[in-house]
Amino acid sequence: MTSRMGILVSSFDYSPVAEDEFHDWYDMEHIPERRRIPGFLCCRRWLGVDEPKVSMTTYDLASIEVLRSPGYLAIGYENNSPWTRRVGWRCIKRLRFEGEQVCPGDRLPPEEARGLLVWASNIDPAHADASSRWYDETFLPALSQVPGVLCARRFRATNSTHGQVVIFHLADTGVVRDPAWQQVAAGPQAVAMMTHEQDRLSTLCRSYERANS
């Protein structure tokens, strides 16, 4: 059986630490460490639109097993660097999601995206199968047709407080205000289906760009 592509999504409120050191840590150590590990395909940073001290980082993986590889274990979990312990461990964790891509199953995100919308939730087990079919066969295909939606993917958790994450890569953050988006995302069927979701965490982000020194 072919392994599915995986993802690691990490989100913090970094208000407890100095902003410049937080970005230096991510840009100069944390991201470069992971890019050197085989199987890390795309590492990208984002910042909250409505919550500017919220950081979101997406790591697309060849498979979820990359997070159990010797390369990752050497720098992750209890082997985090002193800089990670000093900065990262002081931040307020919002989400850490490890999962497999189930829809469409084998797609990497577009590099040109300037907006990101992440929905994390837990689905009522009694409605899990129906919810999965609706997302994969109806909801995500419909939103994928909205102008400015570059990519729509759903991931099933392998290790997380949330059972699934849905990620939309957008041309810009204004896409979610478009009437075409609202017609699908806030339509009667969507509202009804989402009553079966709990613990929803919705975060709209803009692409992070490092400030010039």
N, C-alpha and C. Protein backbone atom coordinates (compact mmCIF):
# COMPACT_ATOMS: atom_id res chain seq x y z
N MET A 1 0.85 -1.20 0.00
CA MET A 1 0.00 0.00 0.00
C MET A 1 0.88 1.25 0.00
N THR A 2 0.60 2.18 -0.90
CA THR A 2 1.39 3.40 -1.01
C THR A 2 1.07 4.34 0.14
N SER A 3 2.12 4.90 0.74
CA SER A 3 1.91 5.83 1.85
C SER A 3 1.30 7.12 1.34
N ARG A 4 0.38 7.66 2.11
CA ARG A 4 -0.19 8.95 1.77
C ARG A 4 0.79 10.06 2.13
N MET A 5 0.66 11.18 1.44
CA MET A 5 1.43 12.34 1.84
C MET A 5 0.95 12.83 3.20
N GLY A 6 1.85 13.42 3.95
CA GLY A 6 1.52 13.85 5.30
C GLY A 6 1.71 15.34 5.50
N ILE A 7 1.31 15.79 6.68
CA ILE A 7 1.49 17.19 7.03
C ILE A 7 1.71 17.33 8.53
N LEU A 8 2.48 18.32 8.88
CA LEU A 8 2.60 18.78 10.26
C LEU A 8 2.19 20.24 10.25
N VAL A 9 1.21 20.58 11.08
CA VAL A 9 0.77 21.97 11.22
C VAL A 9 1.03 22.38 12.66
N SER A 10 1.72 23.49 12.81
CA SER A 10 2.07 23.97 14.15
C SER A 10 1.67 25.43 14.27
N SER A 11 0.90 25.74 15.32
CA SER A 11 0.43 27.11 15.51
C SER A 11 0.65 27.54 16.95
N PHE A 12 1.19 28.75 17.10
CA PHE A 12 1.47 29.33 18.41
C PHE A 12 0.91 30.75 18.49
N ASP A 13 0.60 31.14 19.71
CA ASP A 13 0.50 32.55 20.08
C ASP A 13 1.86 32.90 20.67
N TYR A 14 2.61 33.75 19.96
CA TYR A 14 3.98 34.02 20.40
C TYR A 14 4.10 35.30 21.22
N SER A 15 2.98 35.81 21.74
CA SER A 15 3.01 37.05 22.51
C SER A 15 3.88 36.98 23.77
N PRO A 16 4.14 35.78 24.38
CA PRO A 16 5.01 35.77 25.57
C PRO A 16 6.48 36.03 25.29
N VAL A 17 6.90 36.05 24.02
CA VAL A 17 8.32 36.21 23.70
C VAL A 17 8.52 37.44 22.82
N ALA A 18 9.77 37.88 22.73
CA ALA A 18 10.08 39.03 21.88
C ALA A 18 9.86 38.68 20.42
N GLU A 19 9.19 39.55 19.69
CA GLU A 19 8.84 39.26 18.30
C GLU A 19 10.06 39.03 17.43
N ASP A 20 11.08 39.87 17.58
CA ASP A 20 12.25 39.73 16.72
C ASP A 20 12.97 38.41 16.97
N GLU A 21 13.06 37.99 18.23
CA GLU A 21 13.73 36.72 18.51
C GLU A 21 12.89 35.55 18.01
N PHE A 22 11.58 35.65 18.13
CA PHE A 22 10.72 34.57 17.63
C PHE A 22 10.96 34.35 16.14
N HIS A 23 10.97 35.42 15.36
CA HIS A 23 11.17 35.28 13.92
C HIS A 23 12.60 34.83 13.60
N ASP A 24 13.57 35.33 14.35
CA ASP A 24 14.96 34.88 14.13
C ASP A 24 15.09 33.39 14.39
N TRP A 25 14.49 32.93 15.47
CA TRP A 25 14.55 31.50 15.80
C TRP A 25 13.94 30.65 14.69
N TYR A 26 12.75 31.04 14.24
CA TYR A 26 12.10 30.27 13.18
C TYR A 26 12.90 30.31 11.88
N ASP A 27 13.33 31.51 11.49
CA ASP A 27 13.95 31.69 10.18
C ASP A 27 15.38 31.17 10.11
N MET A 28 16.11 31.29 11.21
CA MET A 28 17.54 30.98 11.18
C MET A 28 17.87 29.58 11.69
N GLU A 29 16.97 28.99 12.49
CA GLU A 29 17.26 27.66 13.01
C GLU A 29 16.15 26.66 12.70
N HIS A 30 14.95 26.95 13.17
CA HIS A 30 13.88 25.95 13.17
C HIS A 30 13.54 25.45 11.76
N ILE A 31 13.22 26.37 10.85
CA ILE A 31 12.88 25.98 9.49
C ILE A 31 14.08 25.36 8.76
N PRO A 32 15.28 25.98 8.81
CA PRO A 32 16.42 25.34 8.12
C PRO A 32 16.72 23.93 8.62
N GLU A 33 16.58 23.68 9.92
CA GLU A 33 16.79 22.33 10.45
C GLU A 33 15.89 21.33 9.74
N ARG A 34 14.65 21.68 9.60
CA ARG A 34 13.68 20.75 9.04
C ARG A 34 13.81 20.60 7.53
N ARG A 35 14.19 21.65 6.86
CA ARG A 35 14.38 21.55 5.42
C ARG A 35 15.52 20.60 5.05
N ARG A 36 16.44 20.38 5.98
CA ARG A 36 17.55 19.47 5.70
C ARG A 36 17.17 18.01 5.86
N ILE A 37 16.01 17.73 6.43
CA ILE A 37 15.59 16.35 6.69
C ILE A 37 14.91 15.77 5.46
N PRO A 38 15.36 14.62 4.96
CA PRO A 38 14.69 13.99 3.82
C PRO A 38 13.21 13.75 4.11
N GLY A 39 12.37 14.11 3.16
CA GLY A 39 10.94 13.91 3.33
C GLY A 39 10.18 15.16 3.69
N PHE A 40 10.87 16.22 4.15
CA PHE A 40 10.22 17.52 4.33
C PHE A 40 10.18 18.19 2.97
N LEU A 41 9.00 18.32 2.38
CA LEU A 41 8.86 18.78 1.01
C LEU A 41 8.65 20.28 0.88
N CYS A 42 7.92 20.84 1.83
CA CYS A 42 7.60 22.27 1.77
C CYS A 42 7.36 22.76 3.19
N CYS A 43 8.11 23.76 3.60
CA CYS A 43 7.96 24.36 4.93
C CYS A 43 7.64 25.84 4.74
N ARG A 44 6.52 26.25 5.26
CA ARG A 44 6.11 27.64 5.02
C ARG A 44 5.46 28.25 6.25
N ARG A 45 5.74 29.52 6.45
CA ARG A 45 5.24 30.26 7.62
C ARG A 45 4.13 31.22 7.23
N TRP A 46 3.22 31.40 8.20
CA TRP A 46 2.06 32.27 8.02
C TRP A 46 1.80 33.02 9.32
N LEU A 47 1.12 34.17 9.24
CA LEU A 47 0.75 34.95 10.41
C LEU A 47 -0.74 35.25 10.38
N GLY A 48 -1.36 35.25 11.56
CA GLY A 48 -2.80 35.48 11.65
C GLY A 48 -3.21 36.85 11.15
N VAL A 49 -4.34 36.90 10.46
CA VAL A 49 -4.87 38.17 9.97
C VAL A 49 -5.56 38.92 11.10
N ASP A 50 -6.43 38.25 11.83
CA ASP A 50 -7.16 38.89 12.92
C ASP A 50 -6.39 38.86 14.23
N GLU A 51 -5.45 37.95 14.34
CA GLU A 51 -4.62 37.81 15.54
C GLU A 51 -3.15 37.88 15.12
N PRO A 52 -2.58 39.08 15.06
CA PRO A 52 -1.24 39.25 14.48
C PRO A 52 -0.13 38.54 15.23
N LYS A 53 -0.34 38.14 16.49
CA LYS A 53 0.68 37.41 17.23
C LYS A 53 0.48 35.90 17.13
N VAL A 54 -0.34 35.47 16.20
CA VAL A 54 -0.53 34.05 15.94
C VAL A 54 0.35 33.64 14.77
N SER A 55 1.14 32.61 14.99
CA SER A 55 2.00 32.03 13.96
C SER A 55 1.43 30.68 13.54
N MET A 56 1.44 30.43 12.24
CA MET A 56 1.02 29.14 11.70
C MET A 56 2.11 28.66 10.75
N THR A 57 2.56 27.44 10.92
CA THR A 57 3.58 26.88 10.04
C THR A 57 3.08 25.55 9.50
N THR A 58 3.22 25.38 8.19
CA THR A 58 2.80 24.14 7.54
C THR A 58 4.03 23.45 6.97
N TYR A 59 4.14 22.16 7.28
CA TYR A 59 5.24 21.34 6.79
C TYR A 59 4.64 20.18 5.99
N ASP A 60 4.73 20.24 4.68
CA ASP A 60 4.24 19.14 3.87
C ASP A 60 5.31 18.05 3.81
N LEU A 61 4.86 16.80 3.97
CA LEU A 61 5.77 15.66 4.14
C LEU A 61 5.52 14.60 3.07
N ALA A 62 6.58 13.90 2.70
CA ALA A 62 6.43 12.78 1.78
C ALA A 62 5.50 11.72 2.36
N SER A 63 5.57 11.52 3.66
CA SER A 63 4.63 10.67 4.40
C SER A 63 4.74 11.05 5.87
N ILE A 64 3.77 10.65 6.65
CA ILE A 64 3.79 10.99 8.07
C ILE A 64 4.94 10.31 8.79
N GLU A 65 5.48 9.24 8.20
CA GLU A 65 6.59 8.53 8.82
C GLU A 65 7.87 9.36 8.88
N VAL A 66 7.91 10.45 8.14
CA VAL A 66 9.07 11.35 8.23
C VAL A 66 9.25 11.84 9.66
N LEU A 67 8.14 12.00 10.39
CA LEU A 67 8.20 12.48 11.77
C LEU A 67 8.69 11.41 12.74
N ARG A 68 8.91 10.19 12.26
CA ARG A 68 9.48 9.11 13.09
C ARG A 68 10.88 8.75 12.59
N SER A 69 11.38 9.50 11.63
CA SER A 69 12.68 9.18 11.03
C SER A 69 13.82 9.60 11.95
N PRO A 70 14.99 8.97 11.82
CA PRO A 70 16.14 9.35 12.65
C PRO A 70 16.49 10.83 12.53
N GLY A 71 16.37 11.39 11.31
CA GLY A 71 16.70 12.80 11.13
C GLY A 71 15.82 13.71 11.94
N TYR A 72 14.51 13.42 11.97
CA TYR A 72 13.62 14.28 12.74
C TYR A 72 13.74 14.02 14.23
N LEU A 73 13.85 12.78 14.62
CA LEU A 73 13.97 12.46 16.04
C LEU A 73 15.21 13.09 16.66
N ALA A 74 16.24 13.32 15.83
CA ALA A 74 17.47 13.92 16.35
C ALA A 74 17.31 15.39 16.74
N ILE A 75 16.27 16.05 16.18
CA ILE A 75 16.10 17.47 16.48
C ILE A 75 14.74 17.78 17.11
N GLY A 76 13.80 16.83 17.08
CA GLY A 76 12.45 17.07 17.54
C GLY A 76 12.18 16.57 18.94
N TYR A 77 10.96 16.84 19.39
CA TYR A 77 10.48 16.33 20.67
C TYR A 77 11.45 16.69 21.80
N GLU A 78 11.95 15.71 22.52
CA GLU A 78 12.83 15.98 23.66
C GLU A 78 14.25 16.38 23.23
N ASN A 79 14.54 16.31 21.95
CA ASN A 79 15.86 16.71 21.46
C ASN A 79 15.85 18.10 20.85
N ASN A 80 14.85 18.90 21.19
CA ASN A 80 14.82 20.28 20.72
C ASN A 80 16.06 21.03 21.18
N SER A 81 16.46 22.00 20.38
CA SER A 81 17.66 22.78 20.66
C SER A 81 17.45 23.72 21.85
N PRO A 82 18.54 24.23 22.43
CA PRO A 82 18.40 25.23 23.50
C PRO A 82 17.60 26.46 23.07
N TRP A 83 17.78 26.88 21.81
CA TRP A 83 17.03 28.04 21.32
C TRP A 83 15.54 27.73 21.26
N THR A 84 15.18 26.52 20.83
CA THR A 84 13.78 26.12 20.80
C THR A 84 13.20 26.09 22.21
N ARG A 85 13.96 25.58 23.15
CA ARG A 85 13.47 25.53 24.53
C ARG A 85 13.29 26.92 25.11
N ARG A 86 14.17 27.83 24.73
CA ARG A 86 14.10 29.19 25.28
C ARG A 86 12.98 30.00 24.67
N VAL A 87 12.72 29.79 23.38
CA VAL A 87 11.72 30.60 22.68
C VAL A 87 10.44 29.80 22.41
N GLY A 88 10.57 28.71 21.67
CA GLY A 88 9.39 27.96 21.26
C GLY A 88 8.58 27.41 22.42
N TRP A 89 9.26 26.92 23.43
CA TRP A 89 8.55 26.30 24.55
C TRP A 89 7.82 27.33 25.41
N ARG A 90 8.15 28.60 25.26
CA ARG A 90 7.47 29.65 26.04
C ARG A 90 6.21 30.15 25.33
N CYS A 91 6.07 29.85 24.06
CA CYS A 91 4.89 30.29 23.32
C CYS A 91 3.67 29.47 23.73
N ILE A 92 2.51 30.02 23.46
CA ILE A 92 1.25 29.36 23.81
C ILE A 92 0.82 28.49 22.64
N LYS A 93 0.76 27.19 22.85
CA LYS A 93 0.41 26.27 21.77
C LYS A 93 -1.08 26.38 21.45
N ARG A 94 -1.39 26.57 20.16
CA ARG A 94 -2.77 26.61 19.68
C ARG A 94 -3.13 25.30 18.97
N LEU A 95 -2.20 24.79 18.19
CA LEU A 95 -2.49 23.59 17.41
C LEU A 95 -1.18 22.91 17.03
N ARG A 96 -1.13 21.62 17.22
CA ARG A 96 -0.10 20.79 16.62
C ARG A 96 -0.81 19.59 16.02
N PHE A 97 -0.77 19.50 14.72
CA PHE A 97 -1.53 18.48 14.01
C PHE A 97 -0.58 17.68 13.14
N GLU A 98 -0.60 16.37 13.31
CA GLU A 98 0.11 15.45 12.43
C GLU A 98 -0.95 14.61 11.73
N GLY A 99 -0.90 14.56 10.40
CA GLY A 99 -1.94 13.81 9.71
C GLY A 99 -1.58 13.43 8.30
N GLU A 100 -2.47 12.64 7.70
CA GLU A 100 -2.31 12.16 6.33
C GLU A 100 -3.31 12.87 5.42
N GLN A 101 -2.87 13.17 4.21
CA GLN A 101 -3.73 13.84 3.24
C GLN A 101 -4.70 12.82 2.65
N VAL A 102 -5.98 13.08 2.82
CA VAL A 102 -6.99 12.15 2.31
C VAL A 102 -7.73 12.72 1.10
N CYS A 103 -7.70 14.01 0.93
CA CYS A 103 -8.34 14.64 -0.24
C CYS A 103 -7.52 15.87 -0.64
N PRO A 104 -6.96 15.86 -1.86
CA PRO A 104 -7.06 14.84 -2.90
C PRO A 104 -6.13 13.66 -2.72
N GLY A 105 -5.18 13.71 -1.79
CA GLY A 105 -4.36 12.55 -1.51
C GLY A 105 -2.91 12.69 -1.86
N ASP A 106 -2.58 13.51 -2.86
CA ASP A 106 -1.18 13.56 -3.30
C ASP A 106 -0.81 14.92 -3.87
N ARG A 107 -1.32 15.98 -3.29
CA ARG A 107 -1.10 17.31 -3.84
C ARG A 107 -0.27 18.17 -2.91
N LEU A 108 0.73 18.83 -3.46
CA LEU A 108 1.50 19.83 -2.73
C LEU A 108 0.85 21.20 -2.91
N PRO A 109 1.03 22.11 -1.97
CA PRO A 109 0.40 23.43 -2.08
C PRO A 109 1.10 24.30 -3.12
N PRO A 110 0.38 25.26 -3.68
CA PRO A 110 0.97 26.17 -4.66
C PRO A 110 1.87 27.20 -3.98
N GLU A 111 3.00 27.47 -4.60
CA GLU A 111 3.95 28.41 -4.02
C GLU A 111 3.44 29.84 -4.05
N GLU A 112 2.54 30.16 -4.97
CA GLU A 112 2.12 31.55 -5.14
C GLU A 112 1.05 32.00 -4.15
N ALA A 113 0.56 31.10 -3.29
CA ALA A 113 -0.49 31.47 -2.34
C ALA A 113 -0.01 32.56 -1.39
N ARG A 114 -0.87 33.53 -1.16
CA ARG A 114 -0.59 34.60 -0.21
C ARG A 114 -1.55 34.60 0.96
N GLY A 115 -2.51 33.69 0.92
CA GLY A 115 -3.44 33.54 2.02
C GLY A 115 -3.62 32.07 2.37
N LEU A 116 -3.97 31.81 3.62
CA LEU A 116 -4.16 30.44 4.11
C LEU A 116 -5.32 30.44 5.10
N LEU A 117 -6.21 29.48 4.95
CA LEU A 117 -7.28 29.27 5.92
C LEU A 117 -7.17 27.85 6.43
N VAL A 118 -7.07 27.71 7.75
CA VAL A 118 -6.95 26.40 8.39
C VAL A 118 -8.16 26.18 9.28
N TRP A 119 -8.85 25.06 9.06
CA TRP A 119 -9.96 24.64 9.91
C TRP A 119 -9.58 23.32 10.58
N ALA A 120 -9.50 23.33 11.88
CA ALA A 120 -9.28 22.10 12.65
C ALA A 120 -10.54 21.79 13.44
N SER A 121 -10.93 20.52 13.49
CA SER A 121 -12.16 20.17 14.20
C SER A 121 -12.16 18.70 14.56
N ASN A 122 -13.07 18.36 15.45
CA ASN A 122 -13.39 16.97 15.77
C ASN A 122 -14.80 16.69 15.28
N ILE A 123 -14.98 15.55 14.64
CA ILE A 123 -16.28 15.18 14.07
C ILE A 123 -16.97 14.17 14.98
N ASP A 124 -18.25 14.40 15.20
CA ASP A 124 -19.06 13.43 15.93
C ASP A 124 -18.91 12.07 15.24
N PRO A 125 -18.43 11.03 15.97
CA PRO A 125 -18.20 9.73 15.33
C PRO A 125 -19.42 9.17 14.59
N ALA A 126 -20.61 9.48 15.09
CA ALA A 126 -21.82 8.97 14.45
C ALA A 126 -22.02 9.55 13.05
N HIS A 127 -21.37 10.69 12.78
CA HIS A 127 -21.54 11.35 11.49
C HIS A 127 -20.23 11.41 10.71
N ALA A 128 -19.20 10.70 11.16
CA ALA A 128 -17.87 10.82 10.57
C ALA A 128 -17.85 10.41 9.09
N ASP A 129 -18.47 9.29 8.76
CA ASP A 129 -18.44 8.81 7.37
C ASP A 129 -19.17 9.78 6.45
N ALA A 130 -20.35 10.23 6.87
CA ALA A 130 -21.12 11.15 6.04
C ALA A 130 -20.38 12.48 5.89
N SER A 131 -19.74 12.92 6.96
CA SER A 131 -18.99 14.18 6.91
C SER A 131 -17.82 14.07 5.94
N SER A 132 -17.09 12.96 6.00
CA SER A 132 -15.95 12.76 5.10
C SER A 132 -16.39 12.78 3.64
N ARG A 133 -17.47 12.09 3.33
CA ARG A 133 -17.96 12.06 1.95
C ARG A 133 -18.38 13.45 1.50
N TRP A 134 -19.06 14.18 2.39
CA TRP A 134 -19.52 15.53 2.03
C TRP A 134 -18.33 16.45 1.75
N TYR A 135 -17.33 16.43 2.64
CA TYR A 135 -16.15 17.26 2.42
C TYR A 135 -15.48 16.92 1.09
N ASP A 136 -15.23 15.64 0.88
CA ASP A 136 -14.41 15.22 -0.26
C ASP A 136 -15.15 15.27 -1.59
N GLU A 137 -16.45 15.00 -1.57
CA GLU A 137 -17.19 14.89 -2.82
C GLU A 137 -18.01 16.13 -3.17
N THR A 138 -18.33 16.95 -2.17
CA THR A 138 -19.21 18.11 -2.41
C THR A 138 -18.56 19.43 -2.01
N PHE A 139 -18.18 19.54 -0.76
CA PHE A 139 -17.78 20.83 -0.20
C PHE A 139 -16.46 21.34 -0.77
N LEU A 140 -15.40 20.52 -0.68
CA LEU A 140 -14.11 20.97 -1.17
C LEU A 140 -14.11 21.19 -2.68
N PRO A 141 -14.73 20.30 -3.49
CA PRO A 141 -14.81 20.59 -4.92
C PRO A 141 -15.53 21.90 -5.23
N ALA A 142 -16.60 22.20 -4.47
CA ALA A 142 -17.33 23.44 -4.72
C ALA A 142 -16.48 24.66 -4.38
N LEU A 143 -15.80 24.63 -3.23
CA LEU A 143 -14.96 25.76 -2.86
C LEU A 143 -13.74 25.89 -3.77
N SER A 144 -13.28 24.78 -4.32
CA SER A 144 -12.15 24.83 -5.25
C SER A 144 -12.47 25.61 -6.51
N GLN A 145 -13.76 25.76 -6.82
CA GLN A 145 -14.18 26.50 -8.01
C GLN A 145 -14.31 28.00 -7.76
N VAL A 146 -14.21 28.41 -6.49
CA VAL A 146 -14.32 29.84 -6.17
C VAL A 146 -13.06 30.56 -6.66
N PRO A 147 -13.21 31.66 -7.37
CA PRO A 147 -12.02 32.39 -7.83
C PRO A 147 -11.10 32.76 -6.67
N GLY A 148 -9.81 32.47 -6.85
CA GLY A 148 -8.84 32.78 -5.81
C GLY A 148 -8.52 31.63 -4.88
N VAL A 149 -9.31 30.55 -4.93
CA VAL A 149 -8.98 29.35 -4.16
C VAL A 149 -8.03 28.52 -5.01
N LEU A 150 -6.79 28.43 -4.58
CA LEU A 150 -5.75 27.76 -5.37
C LEU A 150 -5.65 26.27 -5.06
N CYS A 151 -6.04 25.90 -3.84
CA CYS A 151 -5.88 24.51 -3.42
C CYS A 151 -6.74 24.27 -2.19
N ALA A 152 -7.45 23.15 -2.13
CA ALA A 152 -8.27 22.77 -0.98
C ALA A 152 -7.97 21.32 -0.64
N ARG A 153 -7.52 21.09 0.59
CA ARG A 153 -7.11 19.74 0.99
C ARG A 153 -7.65 19.40 2.38
N ARG A 154 -7.90 18.12 2.58
CA ARG A 154 -8.34 17.63 3.90
C ARG A 154 -7.36 16.58 4.41
N PHE A 155 -7.08 16.65 5.70
CA PHE A 155 -6.13 15.73 6.34
C PHE A 155 -6.80 15.04 7.53
N ARG A 156 -6.52 13.76 7.69
CA ARG A 156 -7.01 12.97 8.82
C ARG A 156 -5.87 12.82 9.83
N ALA A 157 -6.16 13.05 11.09
CA ALA A 157 -5.12 13.06 12.12
C ALA A 157 -4.53 11.68 12.36
N THR A 158 -3.24 11.66 12.59
CA THR A 158 -2.56 10.48 13.13
C THR A 158 -2.12 10.74 14.57
N ASN A 159 -1.97 12.03 14.91
CA ASN A 159 -1.60 12.41 16.27
C ASN A 159 -1.94 13.89 16.46
N SER A 160 -3.04 14.15 17.16
CA SER A 160 -3.48 15.53 17.32
C SER A 160 -4.63 15.59 18.29
N THR A 161 -4.91 16.80 18.79
CA THR A 161 -6.11 17.01 19.60
C THR A 161 -7.34 17.17 18.72
N HIS A 162 -7.13 17.34 17.41
CA HIS A 162 -8.23 17.49 16.46
C HIS A 162 -8.19 16.35 15.44
N GLY A 163 -9.36 15.84 15.10
CA GLY A 163 -9.42 14.68 14.23
C GLY A 163 -9.14 14.97 12.77
N GLN A 164 -9.41 16.20 12.34
CA GLN A 164 -9.14 16.55 10.96
C GLN A 164 -8.74 18.01 10.85
N VAL A 165 -8.02 18.31 9.78
CA VAL A 165 -7.70 19.68 9.41
C VAL A 165 -8.01 19.84 7.93
N VAL A 166 -8.66 20.95 7.60
CA VAL A 166 -8.92 21.32 6.22
C VAL A 166 -8.13 22.59 5.95
N ILE A 167 -7.37 22.60 4.85
CA ILE A 167 -6.48 23.71 4.54
C ILE A 167 -6.79 24.24 3.15
N PHE A 168 -7.01 25.55 3.09
CA PHE A 168 -7.24 26.24 1.82
C PHE A 168 -6.08 27.19 1.56
N HIS A 169 -5.43 27.03 0.42
CA HIS A 169 -4.44 28.01 -0.03
C HIS A 169 -5.15 28.99 -0.96
N LEU A 170 -4.94 30.27 -0.69
CA LEU A 170 -5.71 31.33 -1.35
C LEU A 170 -4.78 32.30 -2.07
N ALA A 171 -5.30 32.91 -3.14
CA ALA A 171 -4.53 33.94 -3.83
C ALA A 171 -4.25 35.11 -2.89
N ASP A 172 -5.22 35.42 -2.04
CA ASP A 172 -5.05 36.44 -1.00
C ASP A 172 -6.13 36.21 0.05
N THR A 173 -6.01 36.89 1.16
CA THR A 173 -6.93 36.64 2.27
C THR A 173 -8.34 37.16 2.00
N GLY A 174 -8.49 38.05 1.03
CA GLY A 174 -9.81 38.59 0.72
C GLY A 174 -10.74 37.60 0.06
N VAL A 175 -10.23 36.46 -0.37
CA VAL A 175 -11.06 35.45 -1.05
C VAL A 175 -12.23 35.02 -0.17
N VAL A 176 -12.01 34.92 1.14
CA VAL A 176 -13.07 34.42 2.03
C VAL A 176 -14.20 35.43 2.21
N ARG A 177 -14.02 36.66 1.73
CA ARG A 177 -15.09 37.65 1.79
C ARG A 177 -15.88 37.72 0.48
N ASP A 178 -15.43 36.99 -0.51
CA ASP A 178 -16.10 36.98 -1.80
C ASP A 178 -17.48 36.33 -1.67
N PRO A 179 -18.51 36.90 -2.30
CA PRO A 179 -19.85 36.28 -2.23
C PRO A 179 -19.88 34.84 -2.70
N ALA A 180 -19.03 34.50 -3.69
CA ALA A 180 -19.00 33.12 -4.17
C ALA A 180 -18.52 32.17 -3.09
N TRP A 181 -17.53 32.60 -2.29
CA TRP A 181 -17.07 31.78 -1.16
C TRP A 181 -18.17 31.67 -0.11
N GLN A 182 -18.76 32.79 0.24
CA GLN A 182 -19.77 32.80 1.28
C GLN A 182 -20.98 31.95 0.91
N GLN A 183 -21.31 31.92 -0.36
CA GLN A 183 -22.47 31.14 -0.80
C GLN A 183 -22.27 29.66 -0.50
N VAL A 184 -21.05 29.17 -0.63
CA VAL A 184 -20.77 27.76 -0.36
C VAL A 184 -20.45 27.54 1.12
N ALA A 185 -19.51 28.33 1.66
CA ALA A 185 -19.01 28.09 3.01
C ALA A 185 -20.03 28.39 4.09
N ALA A 186 -20.96 29.29 3.81
CA ALA A 186 -21.98 29.65 4.80
C ALA A 186 -23.38 29.28 4.33
N GLY A 187 -23.46 28.42 3.34
CA GLY A 187 -24.75 27.98 2.84
C GLY A 187 -25.46 27.03 3.79
N PRO A 188 -26.73 26.78 3.56
CA PRO A 188 -27.52 25.93 4.47
C PRO A 188 -26.93 24.54 4.67
N GLN A 189 -26.44 23.92 3.60
CA GLN A 189 -25.89 22.57 3.74
C GLN A 189 -24.63 22.58 4.59
N ALA A 190 -23.77 23.57 4.38
CA ALA A 190 -22.54 23.67 5.17
C ALA A 190 -22.86 23.91 6.64
N VAL A 191 -23.79 24.80 6.90
CA VAL A 191 -24.17 25.08 8.29
C VAL A 191 -24.71 23.81 8.96
N ALA A 192 -25.54 23.05 8.25
CA ALA A 192 -26.10 21.83 8.81
C ALA A 192 -25.03 20.78 9.07
N MET A 193 -24.13 20.59 8.12
CA MET A 193 -23.08 19.58 8.29
C MET A 193 -22.12 19.94 9.42
N MET A 194 -21.86 21.22 9.58
CA MET A 194 -20.88 21.63 10.58
C MET A 194 -21.42 21.61 12.00
N THR A 195 -22.71 21.34 12.16
CA THR A 195 -23.24 21.14 13.51
C THR A 195 -22.69 19.85 14.12
N HIS A 196 -22.10 18.97 13.29
CA HIS A 196 -21.54 17.72 13.79
C HIS A 196 -20.06 17.88 14.18
N GLU A 197 -19.55 19.11 14.13
CA GLU A 197 -18.16 19.36 14.46
C GLU A 197 -18.04 20.04 15.82
N GLN A 198 -17.01 19.65 16.55
CA GLN A 198 -16.72 20.28 17.84
C GLN A 198 -15.27 20.77 17.84
N ASP A 199 -14.98 21.62 18.82
CA ASP A 199 -13.60 22.10 19.05
C ASP A 199 -13.02 22.76 17.81
N ARG A 200 -13.84 23.44 17.04
CA ARG A 200 -13.35 24.03 15.79
C ARG A 200 -12.39 25.18 16.06
N LEU A 201 -11.29 25.15 15.37
CA LEU A 201 -10.30 26.21 15.41
C LEU A 201 -10.11 26.70 13.99
N SER A 202 -10.54 27.92 13.72
CA SER A 202 -10.47 28.49 12.37
C SER A 202 -9.49 29.65 12.39
N THR A 203 -8.50 29.62 11.51
CA THR A 203 -7.47 30.65 11.48
C THR A 203 -7.21 31.09 10.05
N LEU A 204 -7.43 32.37 9.80
CA LEU A 204 -7.11 32.97 8.51
C LEU A 204 -5.75 33.64 8.63
N CYS A 205 -4.86 33.33 7.68
CA CYS A 205 -3.49 33.81 7.77
C CYS A 205 -3.05 34.47 6.46
N ARG A 206 -2.06 35.32 6.60
CA ARG A 206 -1.37 35.89 5.45
C ARG A 206 0.03 35.28 5.39
N SER A 207 0.59 35.27 4.21
CA SER A 207 1.92 34.73 4.04
C SER A 207 2.93 35.57 4.81
N TYR A 208 3.82 34.89 5.52
CA TYR A 208 4.88 35.57 6.27
C TYR A 208 6.00 35.96 5.32
N GLU A 209 6.44 37.20 5.45
CA GLU A 209 7.60 37.68 4.71
C GLU A 209 8.57 38.30 5.71
N ARG A 210 9.80 37.86 5.71
CA ARG A 210 10.76 38.39 6.66
C ARG A 210 11.07 39.85 6.34
N ALA A 211 11.05 40.66 7.38
CA ALA A 211 11.36 42.07 7.22
C ALA A 211 12.82 42.26 6.88
N ASN A 212 13.09 43.23 6.05
CA ASN A 212 14.49 43.56 5.72
C ASN A 212 15.20 44.12 6.93
N SER A 213 16.43 43.68 7.15
CA SER A 213 17.21 44.16 8.29
C SER A 213 17.60 45.61 8.07
